[in-house]
Amino acid sequence: MDISSARSSGGTDVNCDYLGMMEDGGVGCFAVCDGSPSSDPSLGTAETVIDSFMEDFKATSDISGETVTEYFKNADEKLWSRTHEDGGSEYKASAVLVLTDGNVVISGHLGNCRMYYLSENYLQYITPDHSLAYMAHAEGKFRFPGIRKSRERRRLTAYMGADPMCAAEVTEPIAVHKGDAVLICSDGFWEKVTERQVERTLKRSKSSSEWLRKMLRILKGHTPDDSYSAVTIIF
């Protein structure tokens, strides 16, 4: 696996995003988390989620949907523990997680962080956002690219730290072929980089770092108004 990552506060004073990457014997765990704007960034909401994911991966690197579900449940419980301990502080977040052994990819997510899966330089799958904007798209009110222009794109229908707790949406295992690629990112990233640009930059890149650099140039060509994080993987 060829892996790269980027994280920036963008146009914000404090970075609400956090990411984690870990690989052991060809088995990898990769995650991006975006702390909710309604949460105080200084509370370390995203760090709590990512640290929990990585701790669980160290304890059990099994590649299965059940494992992904358990990782999210454990992280959510840690957010709730902190909420009760702090007496009212909000710990809410979006997160996306990928587990892979190089043969299959399994992803889980809650909120509007995304996983993109590409094969032969074309998008094969994008995780559905848990937002009012995505719901409107699914109802046929506008095409998929319209999500990034919708005022409802950050109004979430499911997220970490919700009451009652939301279960992560988990993909079926995706069989990996040589040259396949994965992008996981927060909304601050995908709002500025279109699906066609994700494909085109991969097609013109020879490594995950080159692919990511080209997408970052596109993003920085706009005015980032949010923190953003991304991890790129090429198999």
Protein backbone atom coordinates (compact mmCIF):
# COMPACT_ATOMS: atom_id res chain seq x y z
CA MET A 1 0.00 0.00 0.00
CA ASP A 2 1.14 3.50 -0.91
CA ILE A 3 -0.29 5.90 1.69
CA SER A 4 -0.32 9.69 2.14
CA SER A 5 -2.22 12.16 4.31
CA ALA A 6 -2.89 15.85 4.86
CA ARG A 7 -4.54 17.88 7.60
CA SER A 8 -5.10 21.64 7.85
CA SER A 9 -7.11 24.15 9.84
CA GLY A 10 -8.11 25.80 6.54
CA GLY A 11 -9.89 29.06 7.24
CA THR A 12 -10.50 28.28 10.90
CA ASP A 13 -8.51 29.34 13.96
CA VAL A 14 -8.58 25.86 15.50
CA ASN A 15 -8.44 22.59 13.56
CA CYS A 16 -11.53 20.49 14.33
CA ASP A 17 -10.22 17.55 12.25
CA TYR A 18 -7.95 14.69 13.21
CA LEU A 19 -6.73 11.64 11.33
CA GLY A 20 -5.07 8.34 12.13
CA MET A 21 -3.11 5.78 10.13
CA MET A 22 -1.68 2.45 11.25
CA GLU A 23 -0.37 -0.55 9.32
CA ASP A 24 0.91 -3.83 10.69
CA GLY A 25 1.95 -6.75 8.50
CA GLY A 26 0.02 -5.52 5.48
CA VAL A 27 -3.16 -4.92 7.51
CA GLY A 28 -4.12 -1.26 7.81
CA CYS A 29 -6.49 1.01 9.70
CA PHE A 30 -7.10 4.54 8.38
CA ALA A 31 -9.54 7.12 9.71
CA VAL A 32 -10.61 10.76 9.49
CA CYS A 33 -12.77 12.54 12.05
CA ASP A 34 -14.34 16.00 12.04
CA GLY A 35 -15.47 17.42 15.38
CA SER A 36 -18.84 19.14 15.12
CA PRO A 37 -18.78 22.97 14.87
CA SER A 38 -21.19 22.97 17.82
CA SER A 39 -18.47 21.33 19.91
CA ASP A 40 -15.61 23.34 21.38
CA PRO A 41 -12.57 22.36 19.22
CA SER A 42 -10.37 22.56 22.28
CA LEU A 43 -12.22 19.60 23.81
CA GLY A 44 -10.37 17.20 21.52
CA THR A 45 -13.49 15.45 20.21
CA ALA A 46 -11.88 14.24 16.98
CA GLU A 47 -8.73 13.11 18.81
CA THR A 48 -10.84 11.03 21.19
CA VAL A 49 -12.47 9.19 18.27
CA ILE A 50 -9.27 8.57 16.32
CA ASP A 51 -7.31 7.46 19.40
CA SER A 52 -10.09 4.99 20.20
CA PHE A 53 -10.04 3.58 16.65
CA MET A 54 -6.27 3.10 16.73
CA GLU A 55 -6.32 1.52 20.20
CA ASP A 56 -8.94 -0.97 19.01
CA PHE A 57 -6.90 -1.75 15.91
CA LYS A 58 -3.87 -2.52 18.05
CA ALA A 59 -6.00 -4.90 20.11
CA THR A 60 -7.77 -6.60 17.21
CA SER A 61 -6.88 -6.12 13.54
CA ASP A 62 -9.61 -8.44 12.26
CA ILE A 63 -11.00 -7.22 8.93
CA SER A 64 -14.77 -7.53 9.19
CA GLY A 65 -17.92 -5.46 9.31
CA GLU A 66 -18.46 -6.52 12.90
CA THR A 67 -15.03 -5.14 13.81
CA VAL A 68 -15.82 -1.77 12.21
CA THR A 69 -19.16 -1.61 14.03
CA GLU A 70 -17.41 -2.34 17.34
CA TYR A 71 -14.75 0.34 16.73
CA PHE A 72 -17.46 2.97 16.26
CA LYS A 73 -19.45 1.78 19.27
CA ASN A 74 -16.38 1.95 21.52
CA ALA A 75 -15.44 5.45 20.31
CA ASP A 76 -19.01 6.66 20.76
CA GLU A 77 -19.06 5.37 24.32
CA LYS A 78 -15.87 7.32 25.04
CA LEU A 79 -17.49 10.51 23.73
CA TRP A 80 -20.47 9.93 25.99
CA SER A 81 -18.21 9.26 28.97
CA ARG A 82 -16.52 12.61 28.41
CA THR A 83 -19.90 14.33 28.00
CA HIS A 84 -21.05 13.06 31.39
CA GLU A 85 -17.73 13.85 33.05
CA ASP A 86 -17.65 17.42 31.74
CA GLY A 87 -21.22 18.18 32.75
CA GLY A 88 -22.83 19.36 29.54
CA SER A 89 -20.00 19.94 27.04
CA GLU A 90 -20.93 18.64 23.60
CA TYR A 91 -18.89 15.85 22.03
CA LYS A 92 -20.24 15.31 18.52
CA ALA A 93 -18.41 14.26 15.38
CA SER A 94 -18.43 12.80 11.88
CA ALA A 95 -15.98 10.01 11.13
CA VAL A 96 -14.95 7.57 8.41
CA LEU A 97 -12.85 4.45 8.94
CA VAL A 98 -11.22 2.00 6.52
CA LEU A 99 -9.83 -1.43 7.37
CA THR A 100 -7.90 -3.38 4.76
CA ASP A 101 -5.57 -6.34 4.42
CA GLY A 102 -4.71 -5.50 0.81
CA ASN A 103 -7.24 -8.04 -0.46
CA VAL A 104 -10.45 -6.37 0.67
CA VAL A 105 -11.53 -2.96 1.95
CA ILE A 106 -14.27 -2.47 4.53
CA SER A 107 -15.40 1.01 5.48
CA GLY A 108 -17.69 2.47 8.13
CA HIS A 109 -18.89 6.02 8.61
CA LEU A 110 -21.22 8.33 10.50
CA GLY A 111 -21.96 11.91 9.50
CA ASN A 112 -20.55 13.57 6.39
CA CYS A 113 -16.95 12.36 6.26
CA ARG A 114 -16.58 10.26 3.10
CA MET A 115 -14.83 7.25 1.59
CA TYR A 116 -14.24 7.19 -2.18
CA TYR A 117 -13.26 3.89 -3.84
CA LEU A 118 -11.73 4.00 -7.32
CA SER A 119 -10.80 1.21 -9.72
CA GLU A 120 -9.11 1.74 -13.11
CA ASN A 121 -9.10 5.48 -12.20
CA TYR A 122 -12.90 5.68 -12.01
CA LEU A 123 -15.12 6.09 -8.99
CA GLN A 124 -16.91 2.89 -8.10
CA TYR A 125 -18.37 3.87 -4.75
CA ILE A 126 -18.87 6.91 -2.50
CA THR A 127 -20.28 6.56 1.00
CA PRO A 128 -23.66 8.30 1.40
CA ASP A 129 -23.63 11.35 3.68
CA HIS A 130 -25.87 11.34 6.72
CA SER A 131 -27.15 14.84 6.05
CA LEU A 132 -30.33 16.63 5.03
CA ALA A 133 -28.62 17.60 1.76
CA TYR A 134 -27.91 13.97 0.88
CA MET A 135 -31.47 13.06 1.83
CA ALA A 136 -32.79 15.70 -0.60
CA HIS A 137 -30.50 14.32 -3.34
CA ALA A 138 -31.75 10.76 -2.66
CA GLU A 139 -35.31 12.04 -3.03
CA GLY A 140 -34.41 13.36 -6.51
CA LYS A 141 -34.47 17.06 -5.67
CA PHE A 142 -31.04 17.66 -7.22
CA ARG A 143 -28.10 15.74 -8.67
CA PHE A 144 -25.22 14.47 -6.53
CA PRO A 145 -22.85 17.44 -7.19
CA GLY A 146 -25.55 19.74 -5.81
CA ILE A 147 -24.88 18.44 -2.30
CA ARG A 148 -21.78 20.62 -1.92
CA LYS A 149 -23.80 23.74 -2.74
CA SER A 150 -26.69 22.94 -0.43
CA ARG A 151 -27.11 24.87 2.82
CA GLU A 152 -28.22 21.59 4.38
CA ARG A 153 -24.96 19.72 3.72
CA ARG A 154 -23.76 20.13 7.31
CA ARG A 155 -27.10 19.42 8.97
CA LEU A 156 -26.57 15.83 10.00
CA THR A 157 -29.15 13.07 10.39
CA ALA A 158 -26.69 10.68 12.10
CA TYR A 159 -23.37 11.33 13.83
CA MET A 160 -21.14 10.23 16.69
CA GLY A 161 -22.24 11.49 20.09
CA ALA A 162 -25.95 11.45 19.17
CA ASP A 163 -28.65 10.59 21.72
CA PRO A 164 -29.75 7.89 21.14
CA MET A 165 -26.50 6.44 19.80
CA CYS A 166 -26.34 5.93 16.02
CA ALA A 167 -24.93 2.74 14.52
CA ALA A 168 -22.21 3.19 11.90
CA GLU A 169 -23.09 2.48 8.28
CA VAL A 170 -20.70 -0.28 7.13
CA THR A 171 -19.91 -1.30 3.55
CA GLU A 172 -19.80 -4.83 2.25
CA PRO A 173 -16.20 -5.99 1.66
CA ILE A 174 -14.80 -4.55 -1.59
CA ALA A 175 -12.35 -6.81 -3.44
CA VAL A 176 -9.07 -4.98 -4.09
CA HIS A 177 -7.21 -5.11 -7.42
CA LYS A 178 -3.77 -3.71 -8.18
CA GLY A 179 -4.01 0.00 -8.87
CA ASP A 180 -7.26 0.49 -6.96
CA ALA A 181 -7.37 3.58 -4.77
CA VAL A 182 -9.13 4.94 -1.70
CA LEU A 183 -9.69 8.50 -0.55
CA ILE A 184 -11.13 9.23 2.89
CA CYS A 185 -11.77 12.84 3.83
CA SER A 186 -13.77 15.34 5.85
CA ASP A 187 -16.38 17.65 4.35
CA GLY A 188 -13.91 20.54 4.31
CA PHE A 189 -12.01 18.57 1.66
CA TRP A 190 -14.75 17.12 -0.56
CA GLU A 191 -16.71 20.37 -0.69
CA LYS A 192 -13.87 21.89 -2.75
CA VAL A 193 -12.79 18.90 -4.88
CA THR A 194 -15.34 17.46 -7.32
CA GLU A 195 -15.79 13.78 -8.12
CA ARG A 196 -14.45 14.30 -11.63
CA GLN A 197 -11.35 16.01 -10.21
CA VAL A 198 -10.78 13.06 -7.85
CA GLU A 199 -10.72 10.78 -10.91
CA ARG A 200 -8.62 13.02 -13.13
CA THR A 201 -5.94 13.69 -10.55
CA LEU A 202 -5.57 9.96 -9.81
CA LYS A 203 -5.26 9.15 -13.51
CA ARG A 204 -2.40 11.66 -13.83
CA SER A 205 -0.53 10.57 -10.69
CA LYS A 206 2.10 7.92 -10.08
CA SER A 207 1.83 7.82 -6.28
CA SER A 208 -0.60 8.52 -3.46
CA SER A 209 1.39 11.61 -2.48
CA GLU A 210 1.23 13.04 -6.01
CA TRP A 211 -2.51 12.33 -6.16
CA LEU A 212 -3.09 14.07 -2.85
CA ARG A 213 -0.88 17.05 -3.76
CA LYS A 214 -2.87 17.63 -6.95
CA MET A 215 -6.17 17.58 -5.08
CA LEU A 216 -4.77 19.94 -2.44
CA ARG A 217 -3.80 22.42 -5.17
CA ILE A 218 -7.43 22.41 -6.33
CA LEU A 219 -8.70 22.87 -2.78
CA LYS A 220 -6.29 25.69 -2.03
CA GLY A 221 -7.32 27.40 -5.27
CA HIS A 222 -10.58 28.14 -3.46
CA THR A 223 -10.89 29.82 -0.09
CA PRO A 224 -11.10 27.02 2.50
CA ASP A 225 -13.69 27.97 5.10
CA ASP A 226 -13.34 24.83 7.19
CA SER A 227 -10.75 22.45 8.58
CA TYR A 228 -9.94 19.60 6.19
CA SER A 229 -8.25 16.22 6.35
CA ALA A 230 -7.64 13.46 3.83
CA VAL A 231 -5.88 10.10 3.48
CA THR A 232 -5.06 8.60 0.09
CA ILE A 233 -4.21 4.94 -0.49
CA ILE A 234 -3.14 3.25 -3.72
CA PHE A 235 -2.89 -0.54 -3.77
